[in-house]
Protein backbone atom coordinates (compact mmCIF):
# COMPACT_ATOMS: atom_id res chain seq x y z
CA MET A 1 11.14 -10.96 -17.57
CA ALA A 2 11.53 -7.28 -16.77
CA LEU A 3 9.45 -5.01 -18.99
CA ALA A 4 10.40 -1.37 -19.17
CA THR A 5 7.75 0.01 -21.52
CA ARG A 6 4.66 -2.20 -21.64
CA PRO A 7 2.89 -5.00 -19.76
CA SER A 8 2.69 -8.58 -20.97
CA SER A 9 1.37 -11.89 -19.78
CA ARG A 10 4.53 -12.28 -17.75
CA PRO A 11 4.71 -9.82 -14.86
CA SER A 12 7.73 -7.61 -14.26
CA SER A 13 6.76 -7.55 -10.57
CA THR A 14 8.51 -10.77 -9.63
CA ALA A 15 7.57 -12.53 -6.42
CA THR A 16 9.74 -13.10 -3.40
CA GLY A 17 8.66 -15.14 -0.39
CA PHE A 18 5.32 -16.84 -0.10
CA PHE A 19 2.38 -17.25 2.21
CA PRO A 20 0.73 -20.69 2.32
CA PRO A 21 -0.39 -21.60 -1.21
CA VAL A 22 -4.10 -21.66 -0.41
CA PRO A 23 -5.32 -18.69 1.65
CA PRO A 24 -7.34 -17.34 3.49
CA LEU A 25 -4.94 -14.93 5.07
CA SER A 26 -5.75 -12.32 7.67
CA TRP A 27 -4.96 -8.62 7.86
CA SER A 28 -5.26 -6.09 10.63
CA PHE A 29 -5.13 -2.30 10.68
CA ARG A 30 -4.52 -1.00 14.17
CA ASP A 31 -3.14 2.01 16.05
CA PRO A 32 -0.83 0.54 18.71
CA PHE A 33 0.80 3.90 19.48
CA LEU A 34 -2.56 5.77 19.59
CA LEU A 35 -1.33 8.31 17.05
CA PHE A 36 -4.63 9.06 15.34
CA PRO A 37 -6.24 12.16 16.89
CA SER A 38 -9.77 10.85 16.31
CA GLU A 39 -11.68 7.65 15.72
CA GLU A 40 -13.08 9.13 12.52
CA GLN A 41 -9.62 9.59 10.96
CA PHE A 42 -8.70 6.08 12.04
CA ARG A 43 -11.85 4.67 10.39
CA GLN A 44 -11.18 6.65 7.21
CA ALA A 45 -7.63 5.32 7.00
CA LYS A 46 -8.85 1.77 7.63
CA LYS A 47 -11.38 2.14 4.81
CA VAL A 48 -8.57 3.07 2.40
CA ILE A 49 -6.53 0.07 3.55
CA GLY A 50 -9.51 -2.24 3.09
CA GLU A 51 -10.15 -0.93 -0.43
CA ALA A 52 -6.50 -1.49 -1.38
CA ILE A 53 -6.66 -5.07 -0.11
CA ARG A 54 -9.87 -5.68 -2.04
CA LYS A 55 -8.20 -4.56 -5.30
CA TRP A 56 -5.50 -7.22 -4.86
CA GLU A 57 -8.12 -9.85 -3.99
CA VAL A 58 -10.12 -9.12 -7.13
CA ALA A 59 -7.00 -9.13 -9.33
CA ALA A 60 -5.97 -12.58 -8.07
CA ALA A 61 -9.42 -14.15 -8.47
CA LEU A 62 -10.18 -16.91 -10.96
CA SER A 63 -13.62 -15.33 -11.17
CA VAL A 64 -15.98 -13.44 -8.88
CA GLN A 65 -17.40 -16.80 -7.76
CA SER A 66 -13.97 -18.40 -7.33
CA PRO A 67 -11.58 -16.20 -5.33
CA SER A 68 -8.00 -17.43 -5.06
CA LEU A 69 -6.84 -14.83 -2.54
CA ARG A 70 -9.00 -14.19 0.50
CA LEU A 71 -7.88 -11.71 3.12
CA ILE A 72 -9.97 -11.72 6.28
CA ASP A 73 -10.24 -8.53 8.33
CA ALA A 74 -8.95 -9.23 11.84
CA SER A 75 -8.67 -5.56 12.82
CA PRO A 76 -9.66 -4.53 16.36
CA ALA A 77 -13.25 -3.33 16.66
CA SER A 78 -11.95 -0.16 18.31
CA ARG A 79 -8.67 1.25 19.52
CA ASP A 80 -9.74 0.41 23.07
CA SER A 81 -9.68 -3.28 22.21
CA PRO A 82 -6.83 -5.44 23.58
CA LEU A 83 -6.26 -6.52 19.95
CA ASN A 84 -5.09 -2.98 19.17
CA SER A 85 -1.90 -3.49 21.16
CA ARG A 86 -0.68 -6.79 19.72
CA ARG A 87 -0.25 -8.50 16.39
CA VAL A 88 -2.96 -10.99 15.48
CA ALA A 89 -2.87 -11.18 11.65
CA ASP A 90 -0.72 -12.43 8.78
CA ILE A 91 -0.38 -8.86 7.50
CA ASP A 92 -0.02 -6.28 10.27
CA ILE A 93 -0.62 -2.65 9.24
CA PHE A 94 -0.18 0.53 11.27
CA PHE A 95 1.24 4.06 11.42
CA ALA A 96 4.32 4.73 13.54
CA GLU A 97 7.00 7.33 14.27
CA PHE A 98 10.79 6.97 14.42
CA GLY A 99 11.83 3.77 16.23
CA HIS A 100 8.80 1.48 16.46
CA GLY A 101 10.10 -1.98 17.27
CA ASP A 102 11.41 -3.32 13.98
CA SER A 103 14.77 -3.20 12.17
CA GLU A 104 14.18 0.13 10.37
CA SER A 105 13.24 3.39 12.07
CA PHE A 106 11.38 6.22 10.40
CA ASP A 107 13.12 9.58 10.06
CA GLY A 108 10.49 12.22 10.70
CA ASN A 109 8.92 14.31 7.97
CA GLY A 110 10.54 13.59 4.60
CA GLY A 111 12.76 10.75 3.50
CA LEU A 112 11.35 7.32 4.25
CA VAL A 113 7.55 7.43 4.32
CA ALA A 114 6.61 3.74 4.48
CA HIS A 115 8.14 0.30 4.57
CA SER A 116 6.96 -3.26 4.30
CA ALA A 117 8.29 -6.79 4.53
CA TYR A 118 7.78 -9.75 2.24
CA PRO A 119 6.11 -12.97 3.41
CA PRO A 120 6.05 -14.52 5.84
CA LEU A 121 6.80 -11.37 7.88
CA GLY A 122 3.87 -9.48 6.34
CA ILE A 123 4.19 -5.98 7.79
CA VAL A 124 3.16 -2.60 6.38
CA HIS A 125 4.13 0.52 8.32
CA PHE A 126 3.46 4.15 7.38
CA ASP A 127 5.41 7.11 8.78
CA ALA A 128 2.96 9.11 10.90
CA SER A 129 5.19 12.19 10.61
CA GLU A 130 4.34 12.64 6.92
CA ARG A 131 1.41 14.58 5.56
CA TRP A 132 -1.05 12.02 4.28
CA GLN A 133 -4.13 12.39 2.15
CA ILE A 134 -7.20 10.17 2.18
CA GLY A 135 -9.11 10.49 -1.06
CA GLN A 136 -8.83 12.72 -4.10
CA GLY A 137 -6.85 15.86 -4.77
CA ALA A 138 -3.18 15.08 -4.06
CA GLU A 139 -1.08 17.51 -6.04
CA THR A 140 2.53 17.27 -7.10
CA GLY A 141 4.90 20.19 -7.61
CA LYS A 142 3.83 23.81 -7.85
CA VAL A 143 0.10 24.48 -7.73
CA GLY A 144 -2.18 27.47 -7.42
CA GLN A 145 -3.54 28.69 -4.10
CA ARG A 146 -6.98 27.08 -4.60
CA GLN A 147 -5.43 23.68 -5.39
CA LYS A 148 -3.22 24.02 -2.34
CA GLU A 149 -6.22 24.79 -0.13
CA GLN A 150 -8.10 21.76 -1.48
CA ALA A 151 -5.11 19.49 -0.83
CA ASP A 152 -4.69 20.89 2.69
CA GLU A 153 -8.35 20.23 3.47
CA ALA A 154 -8.03 16.59 2.44
CA SER A 155 -4.71 15.91 4.16
CA PHE A 156 -3.63 15.27 7.72
CA VAL A 157 -0.52 14.72 9.81
CA ILE A 158 -0.85 12.09 12.51
CA GLY A 159 2.51 12.34 14.26
CA LYS A 160 4.16 15.17 16.16
CA ALA A 161 7.10 15.64 13.78
CA GLY A 162 5.04 16.56 10.75
CA GLU A 163 5.87 20.26 10.64
CA ARG A 164 9.56 19.73 9.93
CA GLY A 165 10.81 20.30 6.39
CA ARG A 166 10.61 17.33 4.05
CA SER A 167 13.08 16.09 1.50
CA ASN A 168 12.32 14.60 -1.90
CA GLY A 169 12.97 11.02 -0.82
CA PHE A 170 10.15 8.50 -0.87
CA GLY A 171 10.71 5.21 0.89
CA GLY A 172 8.53 2.26 0.07
CA GLY A 173 9.47 -1.38 -0.04
CA ARG A 174 12.53 -0.01 1.80
CA GLN A 175 14.12 1.35 -1.37
CA LYS A 176 11.99 4.02 -3.03
CA HIS A 177 13.09 7.50 -4.05
CA LEU A 178 11.65 10.26 -6.16
CA PRO A 179 13.40 10.71 -9.51
CA ARG A 180 16.00 13.46 -9.56
CA GLY A 181 14.37 16.84 -10.06
CA GLN A 182 10.85 15.66 -9.25
CA MET A 183 8.98 17.74 -6.70
CA ALA A 184 7.81 16.04 -3.51
CA PRO A 185 4.01 15.94 -3.23
CA MET A 186 2.31 18.28 -0.77
CA ALA A 187 0.49 15.27 0.60
CA LEU A 188 1.11 11.58 0.03
CA ASP A 189 -1.93 9.74 -1.29
CA LEU A 190 -2.58 6.88 1.11
CA ARG A 191 -4.55 5.01 -1.57
CA TYR A 192 -1.47 4.70 -3.79
CA VAL A 193 1.07 4.01 -1.05
CA ALA A 194 -1.19 1.41 0.59
CA LEU A 195 -1.68 -0.43 -2.71
CA HIS A 196 2.07 -0.48 -3.27
CA GLU A 197 3.10 -1.58 0.21
CA ILE A 198 0.39 -4.25 0.50
CA GLY A 199 1.67 -5.60 -2.81
CA HIS A 200 5.07 -6.04 -1.18
CA ALA A 201 3.53 -7.64 1.91
CA LEU A 202 1.80 -10.17 -0.34
CA GLY A 203 5.12 -11.04 -1.98
CA LEU A 204 5.58 -8.75 -4.99
CA ARG A 205 8.84 -7.02 -5.85
CA HIS A 206 9.12 -3.71 -7.68
CA SER A 207 8.02 -3.52 -11.30
CA THR A 208 9.84 -1.85 -14.18
CA TYR A 209 6.58 -1.10 -16.01
CA ARG A 210 6.06 2.66 -15.70
CA HIS A 211 2.29 2.54 -15.07
CA SER A 212 2.49 -0.23 -12.48
CA VAL A 213 1.45 0.51 -8.90
CA MET A 214 4.52 -1.59 -8.02
CA ASN A 215 6.85 0.72 -9.95
CA THR A 216 9.94 1.76 -8.00
CA TYR A 217 9.05 5.44 -8.12
CA TYR A 218 6.19 7.27 -6.49
CA ARG A 219 4.31 8.91 -9.35
CA GLN A 220 1.20 11.05 -9.36
CA ASN A 221 0.52 9.39 -12.69
CA LEU A 222 -2.86 9.96 -14.32
CA ALA A 223 -2.46 6.67 -16.17
CA ILE A 224 -2.84 4.87 -12.83
CA LEU A 225 -6.13 6.64 -12.10
CA ASP A 226 -9.48 5.33 -13.26
CA GLY A 227 -11.00 8.27 -15.13
CA GLN A 228 -14.54 7.35 -14.09
CA THR A 229 -14.00 6.91 -10.36
CA GLU A 230 -10.72 8.77 -9.69
CA GLU A 231 -9.51 5.63 -7.93
CA PHE A 232 -6.08 4.13 -8.39
CA LYS A 233 -6.22 1.00 -10.50
CA LEU A 234 -3.90 -1.96 -10.90
CA SER A 235 -2.17 -2.24 -14.26
CA LYS A 236 -2.13 -5.38 -16.40
CA ASP A 237 1.37 -5.96 -15.07
CA ASP A 238 0.20 -5.77 -11.44
CA LYS A 239 -2.68 -8.14 -12.16
CA ALA A 240 -0.42 -10.63 -13.93
CA ALA A 241 1.99 -10.58 -10.99
CA ILE A 242 -0.60 -11.23 -8.28
CA TRP A 243 -2.27 -13.87 -10.46
CA GLU A 244 1.04 -15.67 -10.83
CA LEU A 245 1.55 -15.55 -7.08
CA PHE A 246 -1.93 -16.67 -5.94
CA GLY A 247 -4.39 -17.32 -8.76
CA GLU A 248 -2.21 -19.68 -10.77
CA LYS A 249 -1.29 -21.76 -7.71
CA CYS A 250 -4.92 -21.99 -6.59
CA HIS A 251 -5.99 -23.00 -10.11
CA GLN A 252 -3.33 -25.72 -10.26
CA LYS A 253 -4.37 -27.11 -6.88
CA LYS A 254 -8.04 -27.26 -7.94
CA LYS A 255 -7.06 -29.11 -11.12
CA ARG A 256 -5.10 -31.67 -9.07
CA ARG A 257 -8.12 -32.20 -6.79
CA LYS A 258 -10.39 -32.87 -9.79
CA SER A 259 -7.95 -35.36 -11.27
């Protein structure tokens, strides 16, 4: 079932753990440790999270008129809301530093940058000590001064430990690392990492297909970018995996109801 070089109708992102077979499910992006320096940055990050969730919803749908995966936004209206301090959703998403109340602590700048848990735990946590980028322009490896300035303008560090030196490790799904010899990115693209980690939270394992968002390795891979919109896109392998997890089950249940 694992595919190393190309996608097929059978996904290489195998599922593990399941939410109830017929959603809706809920998700929440919050800031329980009040790490974001401004409401605007918090809103921008939430927008990226929402767009990543929408991509998985669309991929799992039978059609536009017949969604098989519905994820309802249960995020707090503001960080002043009581809902900002406690979990209220099936998938709970936030930034944190070091020890933050679960079984795996973050390690400051470098190393582990995000982790997630399969259903039914449904958590996605990002390391606030990393340099993150919202939007276009993340660069990998050595770049010219102008490219570096553009990346710096689009990136931010939420936590207090962000100025420490970083290593080449990339943690996602609790087991991600950059390939040997690959340069660490100046800024991690939140669009890519959010897509990957939300995939895990929905129940997907890593994929062996090199252009998959669920690939084990963090890649600034142009093949994953939509040339028209500069947005990260799900591969055929990713779409087949989420369809198998949600769309196929929903389709089978509808057929049983009709019969």
